[in-house]
């Protein structure tokens, strides 16, 4: 397998694994009593039609992402996520030398933009929730810091249960695409600029 293909496949797996935890926090941690995807799975469907985003909905979706502390959580975990990605990449790429892995990780960290991932969350919230639902989620998050009991309304709880799988799928998929694209791009650059960082390809047709 070509090294860039290996990088793309490996990075996508790691991004998906790490982002699942973050997305579970972003949605599930907003309330205490809503069901998780494991309690009542819902298959992503095509019924949610993309529409032009209302400016207020967009602004409130950004507020929700900020309210749950997504940026800080990503910043805190990103280095470890990339470390894990580099390790898995090395396991899947027998031709990659330690120098290749070190250079890949250094470039990935330098060129990653946390805001790209946050924008994915914003777009997903815009797609699956109304402005009223987003504002209720924001209120629930604020109530968590007080003596009030944060619990979603029955309607919101039902909505969260019905769209959770789709929210997770779109969010994880969008973040995975960002990481996979950058990881493969960097892998191609290193392969081109530093061929000495790759071990010679074994000749399977040889004696």
N, C-alpha and C. Protein backbone atom coordinates (compact mmCIF):
# COMPACT_ATOMS: atom_id res chain seq x y z
N UNK A 1 0.85 -1.20 0.00
CA UNK A 1 0.00 0.00 0.00
C UNK A 1 0.88 1.25 0.00
N UNK A 2 0.52 2.24 -0.79
CA UNK A 2 1.26 3.48 -0.85
C UNK A 2 1.25 4.14 0.52
N UNK A 3 2.37 4.77 0.91
CA UNK A 3 2.49 5.31 2.26
C UNK A 3 1.43 6.36 2.55
N UNK A 4 1.08 7.20 1.58
CA UNK A 4 0.06 8.23 1.84
C UNK A 4 -1.30 7.61 2.07
N UNK A 5 -1.58 6.49 1.40
CA UNK A 5 -2.86 5.81 1.63
C UNK A 5 -2.90 5.24 3.04
N UNK A 6 -1.75 4.70 3.49
CA UNK A 6 -1.67 4.19 4.86
C UNK A 6 -1.89 5.30 5.87
N UNK A 7 -1.28 6.46 5.60
CA UNK A 7 -1.42 7.61 6.50
C UNK A 7 -2.87 8.04 6.59
N UNK A 8 -3.53 8.10 5.44
CA UNK A 8 -4.92 8.56 5.41
C UNK A 8 -5.81 7.60 6.19
N UNK A 9 -5.63 6.29 5.96
CA UNK A 9 -6.45 5.29 6.64
C UNK A 9 -6.20 5.29 8.14
N UNK A 10 -4.92 5.32 8.53
CA UNK A 10 -4.57 5.28 9.95
C UNK A 10 -5.05 6.53 10.67
N UNK A 11 -4.83 7.71 10.06
CA UNK A 11 -5.23 8.96 10.71
C UNK A 11 -6.74 9.03 10.89
N UNK A 12 -7.48 8.55 9.90
CA UNK A 12 -8.94 8.58 10.00
C UNK A 12 -9.42 7.74 11.18
N UNK A 13 -8.81 6.56 11.37
CA UNK A 13 -9.20 5.70 12.48
C UNK A 13 -8.95 6.37 13.82
N UNK A 14 -7.80 7.03 13.94
CA UNK A 14 -7.45 7.66 15.21
C UNK A 14 -8.34 8.86 15.49
N UNK A 15 -8.58 9.69 14.47
CA UNK A 15 -9.44 10.85 14.65
C UNK A 15 -10.83 10.39 15.10
N UNK A 16 -11.35 9.35 14.46
CA UNK A 16 -12.67 8.86 14.82
C UNK A 16 -12.68 8.40 16.27
N UNK A 17 -11.65 7.64 16.67
CA UNK A 17 -11.59 7.12 18.04
C UNK A 17 -11.55 8.25 19.05
N UNK A 18 -10.71 9.24 18.84
CA UNK A 18 -10.55 10.33 19.81
C UNK A 18 -11.74 11.28 19.81
N UNK A 19 -12.31 11.57 18.61
CA UNK A 19 -13.38 12.54 18.54
C UNK A 19 -14.69 11.99 19.11
N UNK A 20 -14.85 10.66 19.14
CA UNK A 20 -16.07 10.10 19.71
C UNK A 20 -16.23 10.57 21.15
N UNK A 21 -15.15 10.55 21.91
CA UNK A 21 -15.23 10.99 23.30
C UNK A 21 -15.61 12.46 23.38
N UNK A 22 -14.98 13.28 22.55
CA UNK A 22 -15.26 14.71 22.59
C UNK A 22 -16.70 15.01 22.21
N UNK A 23 -17.20 14.35 21.16
CA UNK A 23 -18.58 14.62 20.73
C UNK A 23 -19.58 14.11 21.74
N UNK A 24 -19.28 13.00 22.39
CA UNK A 24 -20.18 12.53 23.44
C UNK A 24 -20.29 13.57 24.54
N UNK A 25 -19.17 14.20 24.87
CA UNK A 25 -19.22 15.27 25.87
C UNK A 25 -20.04 16.44 25.38
N UNK A 26 -19.80 16.85 24.15
CA UNK A 26 -20.45 18.05 23.64
C UNK A 26 -21.97 17.95 23.66
N UNK A 27 -22.50 16.76 23.44
CA UNK A 27 -23.95 16.63 23.41
C UNK A 27 -24.48 15.99 24.69
N UNK A 28 -23.93 14.84 25.06
CA UNK A 28 -24.49 14.10 26.19
C UNK A 28 -24.27 14.80 27.52
N UNK A 29 -23.13 15.45 27.70
CA UNK A 29 -22.83 16.07 28.98
C UNK A 29 -23.67 17.31 29.24
N UNK A 30 -24.46 17.71 28.27
CA UNK A 30 -25.32 18.87 28.46
C UNK A 30 -26.51 18.56 29.37
N UNK A 31 -26.78 17.29 29.57
CA UNK A 31 -27.94 16.94 30.37
C UNK A 31 -27.68 15.66 31.12
N UNK A 32 -28.39 15.45 32.20
CA UNK A 32 -28.11 14.30 33.06
C UNK A 32 -28.95 13.08 32.72
N UNK A 33 -30.11 13.28 32.11
CA UNK A 33 -31.05 12.18 32.00
C UNK A 33 -31.32 11.70 30.57
N UNK A 34 -30.72 12.33 29.57
CA UNK A 34 -30.96 11.89 28.20
C UNK A 34 -30.28 10.55 27.96
N UNK A 35 -30.83 9.77 27.02
CA UNK A 35 -30.26 8.47 26.71
C UNK A 35 -29.03 8.62 25.86
N UNK A 36 -28.12 7.68 25.95
CA UNK A 36 -26.94 7.65 25.10
C UNK A 36 -27.27 6.88 23.84
N UNK A 37 -26.42 6.96 22.77
CA UNK A 37 -26.67 6.20 21.55
C UNK A 37 -26.79 4.71 21.83
N UNK A 38 -26.08 4.19 22.85
CA UNK A 38 -26.12 2.76 23.13
C UNK A 38 -27.48 2.35 23.71
N UNK A 39 -28.18 3.30 24.36
CA UNK A 39 -29.47 2.98 24.96
C UNK A 39 -30.55 2.79 23.90
N UNK A 40 -30.51 3.65 22.91
CA UNK A 40 -31.51 3.58 21.87
C UNK A 40 -30.91 4.08 20.56
N UNK A 41 -30.26 3.19 19.81
CA UNK A 41 -29.57 3.62 18.59
C UNK A 41 -30.55 4.11 17.54
N UNK A 42 -30.09 5.07 16.79
CA UNK A 42 -30.88 5.61 15.70
C UNK A 42 -30.00 5.74 14.48
N UNK A 43 -30.45 5.14 13.40
CA UNK A 43 -29.65 5.16 12.19
C UNK A 43 -29.70 6.53 11.54
N UNK A 44 -28.54 7.07 11.09
CA UNK A 44 -28.55 8.33 10.37
C UNK A 44 -29.39 8.21 9.12
N UNK A 45 -30.19 9.20 8.85
CA UNK A 45 -31.04 9.14 7.67
C UNK A 45 -30.82 10.33 6.77
N UNK A 46 -31.53 10.31 5.66
CA UNK A 46 -31.42 11.40 4.69
C UNK A 46 -32.56 12.38 4.84
N UNK A 47 -33.36 12.24 5.93
CA UNK A 47 -34.53 13.09 6.07
C UNK A 47 -34.17 14.51 6.46
N UNK A 48 -32.97 14.70 7.06
CA UNK A 48 -32.55 16.04 7.45
C UNK A 48 -31.98 16.75 6.24
N UNK A 49 -32.71 17.69 5.72
CA UNK A 49 -32.32 18.37 4.49
C UNK A 49 -31.55 19.64 4.83
N UNK A 50 -30.39 19.79 4.19
CA UNK A 50 -29.58 20.99 4.43
C UNK A 50 -30.35 22.22 3.98
N UNK A 51 -30.32 23.26 4.78
CA UNK A 51 -31.02 24.48 4.45
C UNK A 51 -30.13 25.67 4.75
N UNK A 52 -30.51 26.81 4.20
CA UNK A 52 -29.75 28.02 4.44
C UNK A 52 -29.82 28.36 5.92
N UNK A 53 -28.67 28.62 6.51
CA UNK A 53 -28.61 28.82 7.95
C UNK A 53 -29.01 30.24 8.32
N UNK A 54 -29.91 30.33 9.29
CA UNK A 54 -30.31 31.62 9.82
C UNK A 54 -29.16 32.20 10.63
N UNK A 55 -28.86 33.49 10.47
CA UNK A 55 -27.74 34.10 11.21
C UNK A 55 -27.83 33.91 12.72
N UNK A 56 -29.04 34.00 13.27
CA UNK A 56 -29.20 33.83 14.72
C UNK A 56 -28.93 32.39 15.12
N UNK A 57 -29.39 31.44 14.31
CA UNK A 57 -29.13 30.03 14.59
C UNK A 57 -27.63 29.77 14.58
N UNK A 58 -26.94 30.35 13.60
CA UNK A 58 -25.49 30.18 13.50
C UNK A 58 -24.79 30.75 14.73
N UNK A 59 -25.19 31.95 15.13
CA UNK A 59 -24.57 32.60 16.29
C UNK A 59 -24.82 31.79 17.56
N UNK A 60 -26.03 31.24 17.70
CA UNK A 60 -26.34 30.47 18.90
C UNK A 60 -25.64 29.12 18.89
N UNK A 61 -25.44 28.54 17.71
CA UNK A 61 -24.68 27.28 17.63
C UNK A 61 -23.24 27.52 18.08
N UNK A 62 -22.68 28.64 17.72
CA UNK A 62 -21.33 29.00 18.17
C UNK A 62 -21.31 29.16 19.68
N UNK A 63 -22.35 29.80 20.22
CA UNK A 63 -22.45 29.99 21.67
C UNK A 63 -22.52 28.64 22.39
N UNK A 64 -23.22 27.68 21.80
CA UNK A 64 -23.33 26.37 22.42
C UNK A 64 -21.97 25.67 22.46
N UNK A 65 -21.24 25.73 21.35
CA UNK A 65 -19.92 25.12 21.31
C UNK A 65 -19.01 25.77 22.35
N UNK A 66 -19.13 27.08 22.50
CA UNK A 66 -18.33 27.79 23.51
C UNK A 66 -18.78 27.41 24.92
N UNK A 67 -20.09 27.27 25.12
CA UNK A 67 -20.63 27.00 26.45
C UNK A 67 -20.17 25.66 27.01
N UNK A 68 -20.00 24.67 26.13
CA UNK A 68 -19.59 23.34 26.60
C UNK A 68 -18.08 23.22 26.73
N UNK A 69 -17.35 24.31 26.42
CA UNK A 69 -15.89 24.28 26.57
C UNK A 69 -15.18 23.41 25.56
N UNK A 70 -15.75 23.30 24.36
CA UNK A 70 -15.17 22.40 23.35
C UNK A 70 -13.75 22.80 22.97
N UNK A 71 -13.49 24.08 22.84
CA UNK A 71 -12.16 24.53 22.41
C UNK A 71 -11.09 24.11 23.40
N UNK A 72 -11.34 24.35 24.69
CA UNK A 72 -10.35 24.01 25.70
C UNK A 72 -10.13 22.51 25.77
N UNK A 73 -11.19 21.74 25.65
CA UNK A 73 -11.07 20.29 25.70
C UNK A 73 -10.26 19.76 24.51
N UNK A 74 -10.50 20.33 23.35
CA UNK A 74 -9.73 19.90 22.18
C UNK A 74 -8.26 20.29 22.33
N UNK A 75 -8.02 21.50 22.81
CA UNK A 75 -6.64 21.94 23.01
C UNK A 75 -5.92 21.05 24.02
N UNK A 76 -6.63 20.65 25.07
CA UNK A 76 -6.02 19.83 26.11
C UNK A 76 -5.69 18.42 25.62
N UNK A 77 -6.51 17.90 24.69
CA UNK A 77 -6.34 16.51 24.26
C UNK A 77 -5.67 16.36 22.89
N UNK A 78 -5.47 17.47 22.19
CA UNK A 78 -5.03 17.37 20.80
C UNK A 78 -3.64 16.77 20.66
N UNK A 79 -2.71 17.18 21.52
CA UNK A 79 -1.34 16.66 21.44
C UNK A 79 -1.34 15.14 21.63
N UNK A 80 -2.10 14.65 22.59
CA UNK A 80 -2.17 13.21 22.82
C UNK A 80 -2.81 12.51 21.63
N UNK A 81 -3.84 13.14 21.06
CA UNK A 81 -4.49 12.57 19.89
C UNK A 81 -3.51 12.40 18.74
N UNK A 82 -2.70 13.42 18.51
CA UNK A 82 -1.72 13.35 17.42
C UNK A 82 -0.62 12.34 17.75
N UNK A 83 -0.21 12.27 19.02
CA UNK A 83 0.76 11.25 19.44
C UNK A 83 0.25 9.86 19.11
N UNK A 84 -1.02 9.61 19.46
CA UNK A 84 -1.61 8.31 19.18
C UNK A 84 -1.68 8.05 17.68
N UNK A 85 -2.00 9.11 16.93
CA UNK A 85 -2.07 8.96 15.48
C UNK A 85 -0.72 8.61 14.88
N UNK A 86 0.32 9.25 15.37
CA UNK A 86 1.67 8.97 14.86
C UNK A 86 2.08 7.53 15.17
N UNK A 87 1.73 7.06 16.37
CA UNK A 87 2.08 5.69 16.74
C UNK A 87 1.37 4.68 15.86
N UNK A 88 0.08 4.89 15.64
CA UNK A 88 -0.66 3.97 14.79
C UNK A 88 -0.18 4.03 13.35
N UNK A 89 0.18 5.22 12.92
CA UNK A 89 0.71 5.36 11.57
C UNK A 89 1.98 4.53 11.41
N UNK A 90 2.86 4.59 12.39
CA UNK A 90 4.11 3.84 12.32
C UNK A 90 3.86 2.34 12.31
N UNK A 91 2.84 1.91 13.03
CA UNK A 91 2.50 0.49 13.05
C UNK A 91 1.98 0.02 11.70
N UNK A 92 1.28 0.91 10.99
CA UNK A 92 0.69 0.55 9.70
C UNK A 92 1.61 0.83 8.52
N UNK A 93 2.73 1.48 8.79
CA UNK A 93 3.64 1.87 7.70
C UNK A 93 5.02 1.26 7.96
N UNK A 94 5.26 0.04 7.52
CA UNK A 94 6.55 -0.61 7.79
C UNK A 94 7.74 0.09 7.16
N UNK A 95 7.51 0.92 6.14
CA UNK A 95 8.61 1.62 5.49
C UNK A 95 8.96 2.93 6.19
N UNK A 96 8.10 3.41 7.07
CA UNK A 96 8.33 4.69 7.73
C UNK A 96 9.37 4.55 8.84
N UNK A 97 10.37 5.39 8.82
CA UNK A 97 11.40 5.39 9.86
C UNK A 97 10.94 6.29 11.02
N UNK A 98 11.59 6.19 12.19
CA UNK A 98 11.25 7.09 13.29
C UNK A 98 11.36 8.56 12.89
N UNK A 99 12.30 8.88 12.02
CA UNK A 99 12.45 10.26 11.56
C UNK A 99 11.21 10.71 10.80
N UNK A 100 10.64 9.80 10.01
CA UNK A 100 9.41 10.12 9.28
C UNK A 100 8.29 10.44 10.26
N UNK A 101 8.12 9.57 11.28
CA UNK A 101 7.07 9.78 12.25
C UNK A 101 7.23 11.08 13.03
N UNK A 102 8.45 11.38 13.43
CA UNK A 102 8.70 12.61 14.17
C UNK A 102 8.38 13.85 13.33
N UNK A 103 8.78 13.81 12.07
CA UNK A 103 8.54 14.95 11.18
C UNK A 103 7.05 15.12 10.89
N UNK A 104 6.38 13.99 10.71
CA UNK A 104 4.94 14.03 10.44
C UNK A 104 4.19 14.65 11.61
N UNK A 105 4.53 14.20 12.81
CA UNK A 105 3.85 14.71 14.00
C UNK A 105 4.13 16.20 14.19
N UNK A 106 5.36 16.61 13.98
CA UNK A 106 5.73 18.02 14.14
C UNK A 106 4.94 18.90 13.17
N UNK A 107 4.85 18.47 11.92
CA UNK A 107 4.12 19.28 10.93
C UNK A 107 2.62 19.27 11.20
N UNK A 108 2.10 18.14 11.61
CA UNK A 108 0.66 18.06 11.86
C UNK A 108 0.26 19.01 12.99
N UNK A 109 1.03 19.01 14.05
CA UNK A 109 0.73 19.90 15.18
C UNK A 109 0.86 21.37 14.78
N UNK A 110 1.86 21.68 13.98
CA UNK A 110 2.11 23.06 13.59
C UNK A 110 1.03 23.59 12.66
N UNK A 111 0.46 22.73 11.84
CA UNK A 111 -0.47 23.19 10.82
C UNK A 111 -1.94 22.93 11.14
N UNK A 112 -2.22 22.26 12.23
CA UNK A 112 -3.61 22.00 12.60
C UNK A 112 -4.25 23.27 13.16
N UNK A 113 -5.51 23.45 12.83
CA UNK A 113 -6.27 24.59 13.31
C UNK A 113 -7.48 24.07 14.08
N UNK A 114 -7.47 24.26 15.39
CA UNK A 114 -8.57 23.77 16.22
C UNK A 114 -9.91 24.31 15.74
N UNK A 115 -9.91 25.52 15.23
CA UNK A 115 -11.16 26.14 14.80
C UNK A 115 -11.83 25.34 13.68
N UNK A 116 -11.05 24.66 12.86
CA UNK A 116 -11.63 23.84 11.80
C UNK A 116 -12.53 22.75 12.38
N UNK A 117 -12.10 22.15 13.48
CA UNK A 117 -12.90 21.12 14.13
C UNK A 117 -14.12 21.71 14.82
N UNK A 118 -13.95 22.87 15.46
CA UNK A 118 -15.08 23.52 16.11
C UNK A 118 -16.15 23.91 15.09
N UNK A 119 -15.72 24.31 13.91
CA UNK A 119 -16.67 24.68 12.86
C UNK A 119 -17.52 23.49 12.44
N UNK A 120 -16.94 22.29 12.50
CA UNK A 120 -17.72 21.09 12.19
C UNK A 120 -18.86 20.94 13.19
N UNK A 121 -18.56 21.10 14.48
CA UNK A 121 -19.59 20.98 15.50
C UNK A 121 -20.69 22.01 15.28
N UNK A 122 -20.29 23.23 14.96
CA UNK A 122 -21.29 24.30 14.73
C UNK A 122 -22.22 23.91 13.59
N UNK A 123 -21.66 23.44 12.48
CA UNK A 123 -22.49 23.08 11.32
C UNK A 123 -23.45 21.94 11.65
N UNK A 124 -22.98 20.99 12.45
CA UNK A 124 -23.84 19.86 12.81
C UNK A 124 -24.99 20.32 13.70
N UNK A 125 -24.71 21.17 14.68
CA UNK A 125 -25.78 21.68 15.53
C UNK A 125 -26.79 22.46 14.70
N UNK A 126 -26.32 23.25 13.77
CA UNK A 126 -27.22 24.01 12.89
C UNK A 126 -28.12 23.08 12.09
N UNK A 127 -27.56 21.96 11.69
CA UNK A 127 -28.29 21.02 10.82
C UNK A 127 -29.39 20.28 11.57
N UNK A 128 -29.12 19.89 12.81
CA UNK A 128 -30.03 18.98 13.51
C UNK A 128 -30.90 19.63 14.59
N UNK A 129 -30.57 20.86 15.00
CA UNK A 129 -31.34 21.47 16.08
C UNK A 129 -31.91 22.82 15.66
N UNK A 130 -33.07 23.13 16.21
CA UNK A 130 -33.66 24.44 15.99
C UNK A 130 -32.97 25.44 16.93
N UNK A 131 -33.23 26.72 16.68
CA UNK A 131 -32.62 27.74 17.53
C UNK A 131 -33.13 27.61 18.97
N UNK A 132 -34.42 27.30 19.13
CA UNK A 132 -34.99 27.14 20.47
C UNK A 132 -34.32 25.97 21.20
N UNK A 133 -34.09 24.88 20.49
CA UNK A 133 -33.45 23.71 21.11
C UNK A 133 -32.01 24.02 21.51
N UNK A 134 -31.30 24.75 20.66
CA UNK A 134 -29.92 25.12 20.98
C UNK A 134 -29.88 26.03 22.20
N UNK A 135 -30.82 26.95 22.28
CA UNK A 135 -30.85 27.84 23.44
C UNK A 135 -31.20 27.08 24.72
N UNK A 136 -32.03 26.06 24.61
CA UNK A 136 -32.32 25.23 25.78
C UNK A 136 -31.06 24.47 26.21
N UNK A 137 -30.31 23.97 25.25
CA UNK A 137 -29.06 23.27 25.56
C UNK A 137 -28.06 24.21 26.24
N UNK A 138 -28.02 25.45 25.77
CA UNK A 138 -27.13 26.44 26.40
C UNK A 138 -27.56 26.69 27.84
N UNK A 139 -28.86 26.83 28.06
CA UNK A 139 -29.38 27.07 29.41
C UNK A 139 -29.06 25.89 30.32
N UNK A 140 -29.19 24.67 29.79
CA UNK A 140 -28.88 23.48 30.58
C UNK A 140 -27.41 23.47 31.00
N UNK A 141 -26.55 23.87 30.07
CA UNK A 141 -25.13 23.91 30.38
C UNK A 141 -24.83 24.94 31.46
N UNK A 142 -25.48 26.09 31.39
CA UNK A 142 -25.28 27.13 32.40
C UNK A 142 -25.80 26.67 33.76
N UNK A 143 -26.94 25.94 33.76
CA UNK A 143 -27.52 25.47 35.01
C UNK A 143 -26.62 24.46 35.70
N UNK A 144 -25.77 23.78 34.94
CA UNK A 144 -24.88 22.80 35.53
C UNK A 144 -23.92 23.44 36.53
N UNK A 145 -23.64 24.72 36.34
CA UNK A 145 -22.72 25.41 37.24
C UNK A 145 -23.41 26.04 38.43
N UNK A 146 -24.72 25.81 38.59
CA UNK A 146 -25.47 26.37 39.71
C UNK A 146 -26.08 25.22 40.52
N UNK A 147 -26.91 25.60 41.47
CA UNK A 147 -27.57 24.60 42.31
C UNK A 147 -28.79 24.00 41.61
N UNK A 148 -29.14 24.54 40.46
CA UNK A 148 -30.31 24.05 39.74
C UNK A 148 -30.02 22.66 39.16
N UNK A 149 -31.09 21.89 39.03
CA UNK A 149 -30.97 20.56 38.42
C UNK A 149 -31.13 20.70 36.92
N UNK A 150 -30.06 20.37 36.17
CA UNK A 150 -30.10 20.50 34.72
C UNK A 150 -30.75 19.27 34.11
N UNK A 151 -31.93 19.46 33.55
CA UNK A 151 -32.65 18.36 32.93
C UNK A 151 -33.39 18.88 31.70
N UNK A 152 -33.26 18.20 30.58
CA UNK A 152 -33.91 18.68 29.36
C UNK A 152 -35.41 18.45 29.42
N UNK A 153 -36.13 19.22 28.66
CA UNK A 153 -37.57 19.04 28.55
C UNK A 153 -37.83 17.70 27.86
N UNK A 154 -39.01 17.12 28.05
CA UNK A 154 -39.32 15.85 27.37
C UNK A 154 -39.13 15.94 25.86
N UNK A 155 -39.50 17.07 25.28
CA UNK A 155 -39.37 17.23 23.83
C UNK A 155 -37.91 17.22 23.41
N UNK A 156 -37.07 17.92 24.17
CA UNK A 156 -35.65 17.96 23.82
C UNK A 156 -35.00 16.60 24.05
N UNK A 157 -35.40 15.93 25.13
CA UNK A 157 -34.85 14.60 25.40
C UNK A 157 -35.17 13.65 24.25
N UNK A 158 -36.40 13.73 23.77
CA UNK A 158 -36.80 12.88 22.64
C UNK A 158 -36.02 13.24 21.38
N UNK A 159 -35.81 14.53 21.19
CA UNK A 159 -35.06 14.98 20.01
C UNK A 159 -33.62 14.49 20.06
N UNK A 160 -33.00 14.62 21.22
CA UNK A 160 -31.62 14.17 21.37
C UNK A 160 -31.49 12.68 21.08
N UNK A 161 -32.45 11.91 21.57
CA UNK A 161 -32.41 10.47 21.34
C UNK A 161 -32.57 10.14 19.86
N UNK A 162 -33.44 10.88 19.17
CA UNK A 162 -33.73 10.57 17.77
C UNK A 162 -32.61 10.96 16.82
N UNK A 163 -31.84 12.02 17.16
CA UNK A 163 -30.82 12.49 16.22
C UNK A 163 -29.40 12.18 16.66
N UNK A 164 -29.24 11.54 17.81
CA UNK A 164 -27.90 11.36 18.36
C UNK A 164 -26.94 10.65 17.40
N UNK A 165 -27.41 9.55 16.81
CA UNK A 165 -26.53 8.80 15.90
C UNK A 165 -26.11 9.66 14.71
N UNK A 166 -27.04 10.44 14.19
CA UNK A 166 -26.73 11.30 13.06
C UNK A 166 -25.78 12.42 13.45
N UNK A 167 -26.00 13.00 14.63
CA UNK A 167 -25.10 14.05 15.13
C UNK A 167 -23.69 13.49 15.28
N UNK A 168 -23.58 12.32 15.88
CA UNK A 168 -22.28 11.69 16.06
C UNK A 168 -21.63 11.37 14.73
N UNK A 169 -22.41 10.79 13.82
CA UNK A 169 -21.86 10.40 12.53
C UNK A 169 -21.34 11.58 11.73
N UNK A 170 -22.14 12.64 11.67
CA UNK A 170 -21.73 13.83 10.91
C UNK A 170 -20.54 14.52 11.56
N UNK A 171 -20.55 14.61 12.89
CA UNK A 171 -19.47 15.31 13.59
C UNK A 171 -18.15 14.55 13.49
N UNK A 172 -18.20 13.27 13.81
CA UNK A 172 -16.99 12.45 13.74
C UNK A 172 -16.49 12.37 12.31
N UNK A 173 -17.40 12.20 11.36
CA UNK A 173 -17.00 12.12 9.96
C UNK A 173 -16.35 13.40 9.47
N UNK A 174 -16.94 14.54 9.85
CA UNK A 174 -16.37 15.82 9.42
C UNK A 174 -15.00 16.06 10.00
N UNK A 175 -14.83 15.74 11.29
CA UNK A 175 -13.52 15.92 11.92
C UNK A 175 -12.50 14.95 11.35
N UNK A 176 -12.95 13.73 11.05
CA UNK A 176 -12.05 12.73 10.48
C UNK A 176 -11.54 13.17 9.11
N UNK A 177 -12.40 13.78 8.33
CA UNK A 177 -11.99 14.24 7.00
C UNK A 177 -10.91 15.31 7.11
N UNK A 178 -11.06 16.22 8.07
CA UNK A 178 -10.06 17.27 8.25
C UNK A 178 -8.71 16.67 8.60
N UNK A 179 -8.70 15.77 9.59
CA UNK A 179 -7.45 15.15 10.01
C UNK A 179 -6.84 14.28 8.94
N UNK A 180 -7.67 13.50 8.25
CA UNK A 180 -7.15 12.61 7.22
C UNK A 180 -6.56 13.39 6.06
N UNK A 181 -7.22 14.48 5.68
CA UNK A 181 -6.74 15.29 4.57
C UNK A 181 -5.37 15.90 4.88
N UNK A 182 -5.26 16.48 6.07
CA UNK A 182 -3.99 17.11 6.45
C UNK A 182 -2.90 16.06 6.64
N UNK A 183 -3.25 14.94 7.29
CA UNK A 183 -2.27 13.90 7.52
C UNK A 183 -1.71 13.32 6.24
N UNK A 184 -2.57 13.08 5.26
CA UNK A 184 -2.12 12.54 3.98
C UNK A 184 -1.28 13.56 3.21
N UNK A 185 -1.69 14.84 3.30
CA UNK A 185 -0.93 15.90 2.63
C UNK A 185 0.49 16.00 3.19
N UNK A 186 0.59 15.93 4.50
CA UNK A 186 1.90 16.00 5.14
C UNK A 186 2.73 14.76 4.81
N UNK A 187 2.09 13.61 4.80
CA UNK A 187 2.81 12.39 4.45
C UNK A 187 3.39 12.44 3.06
N UNK A 188 2.62 12.98 2.11
CA UNK A 188 3.12 13.11 0.74
C UNK A 188 4.30 14.07 0.67
N UNK A 189 4.22 15.16 1.42
CA UNK A 189 5.31 16.14 1.43
C UNK A 189 6.60 15.51 1.96
N UNK A 190 6.49 14.79 3.06
CA UNK A 190 7.69 14.20 3.64
C UNK A 190 8.27 13.13 2.72
N UNK A 191 7.40 12.37 2.11
CA UNK A 191 7.84 11.34 1.18
C UNK A 191 8.61 11.96 0.01
N UNK A 192 8.15 13.13 -0.42
CA UNK A 192 8.79 13.82 -1.54
C UNK A 192 10.07 14.54 -1.12
N UNK A 193 10.02 15.19 0.04
CA UNK A 193 11.16 16.00 0.48
C UNK A 193 12.25 15.19 1.17
N UNK A 194 11.85 14.09 1.80
CA UNK A 194 12.82 13.29 2.55
C UNK A 194 12.66 11.80 2.22
N UNK A 195 13.02 11.41 1.04
CA UNK A 195 12.91 9.99 0.69
C UNK A 195 13.77 9.11 1.59
N UNK A 196 14.78 9.71 2.21
CA UNK A 196 15.65 8.94 3.11
C UNK A 196 14.93 8.55 4.40
N UNK A 197 13.75 9.16 4.64
CA UNK A 197 12.98 8.81 5.82
C UNK A 197 12.15 7.55 5.61
N UNK A 198 12.21 6.98 4.42
CA UNK A 198 11.48 5.76 4.11
C UNK A 198 12.46 4.62 3.85
N UNK A 199 12.18 3.46 4.42
CA UNK A 199 13.01 2.30 4.19
C UNK A 199 12.78 1.80 2.76
N UNK A 200 13.80 1.18 2.16
CA UNK A 200 13.63 0.65 0.80
C UNK A 200 12.48 -0.35 0.76
N UNK A 201 11.73 -0.28 -0.34
CA UNK A 201 10.60 -1.20 -0.50
C UNK A 201 11.11 -2.59 -0.78
N UNK A 202 10.60 -3.57 -0.05
CA UNK A 202 11.07 -4.94 -0.23
C UNK A 202 10.57 -5.48 -1.56
N UNK A 203 11.39 -6.27 -2.21
CA UNK A 203 11.03 -6.86 -3.50
C UNK A 203 10.44 -8.23 -3.26
N UNK A 204 9.11 -8.29 -3.32
CA UNK A 204 8.43 -9.55 -3.06
C UNK A 204 8.63 -10.56 -4.17
N UNK A 205 9.06 -10.10 -5.34
CA UNK A 205 9.27 -11.01 -6.46
C UNK A 205 10.68 -11.56 -6.51
N UNK A 206 11.49 -11.10 -5.56
CA UNK A 206 12.89 -11.53 -5.55
C UNK A 206 13.03 -12.95 -5.02
N UNK A 207 14.25 -13.46 -5.02
CA UNK A 207 14.48 -14.82 -4.55
C UNK A 207 14.23 -14.95 -3.06
